[in-house]
Amino acid sequence: MKAIGGFGLLIFLAVTVYWMSASAGGGQGEAAPFQVAFGKPGAGGIEMHIVIGVVTANRDRQSKDGELLSWDEWVAGHFELKDSSGNVLPLERRNNSNAITQNQVIGTQEFFLVATLTPGQAYTLEYSPEIKSPAVRYRHSFTAPASAEKVRMIEFQRVK
């Protein structure tokens, strides 16, 4: 009987973890949550690391003609980072992060997006859950910090 209770608890935990990973990063409501951290500043600036969860990464992976998008195409279709002058900055897809450890990630990450920013400068990051319907967009405006910041959940607000 104890084995059945233990198995039930295991199933409950598995469902809870799946629900957390499905809800982390890329909602369709009024906000889309993403985990973000900033690494140590260096000569080139400070790196921003964004966790992209499995569910978010596999959403809208096909192009309009049904072909699988490359990851670079996927990133360009879903995210846009701009500086205060409106210049679009590159976001690099990485398999690991030196600012976020595995035990800090909520859910299961597919990859990280990394950008090098200038401390003290204002930025805007936009996210569109569906490339085919870019009318639904989420935005987060922030100022790059001067020092490293631990991972935290950021809610991108829906643009109306």
Foldseek 3Di string as FASTA:
>chain_A
DVVVVVVVVVVVVVVVLVVFLLQAAFDQDQWGKWKWWWAFADPQAIKIKIFAGPNLQPQQQADPVGHGDDVLVVCVLFKWKAWPVGDTFDWDWAADDPQDDPVRDRHHGPTMTMGGDHAQTKMKMKGASHSVDSVWMFIDIDGHHNGIGHIDMDITGTDD
